[in-house]
Amino acid sequence: MVIPDLPGCTSAGKTIDAAYRHAIEAVRLWVEDTLEDGEKLPRPRSLMELAADREVRRALAAGAALIMVPVVIKVGRPKKKRRRYSLEQLLAGLTKENETDWGPPRGREVID
């Protein structure tokens, strides 16, 4: 699937249903990345505008289907802070009460 209003946003699937589910996820990720980069989202075109697009018309004539993909945008979501820990900091997180507890960090990165 090609999302004509989102440059570089594509998806695929073995079935039409899978391709549609993947398209929803691809659009969501594309939108999130664009917003995180501080860029503006392009204005979505109406069905009439898409139908008037020469490339879209060619694809439809060749057997493509035009579907609408829903987009849900969460407004005001706080950005996650990432902290990196050295091996020494992770090892220092061991406690005597529970030697299997590595302290708050469970890996190389912790998200607040």
Foldseek 3Di string as FASTA:
>chain_A
DDDVQQPPQAADDPDPVRRLVRSLVSVQVSVVVCVVVVHDRGDDDDPVVLCPDPVSVVCVVVPDDDDDHDYDDDPPDDDKDKDFDDPVLQCVQADPVDRVDSHPDPDGIDTD
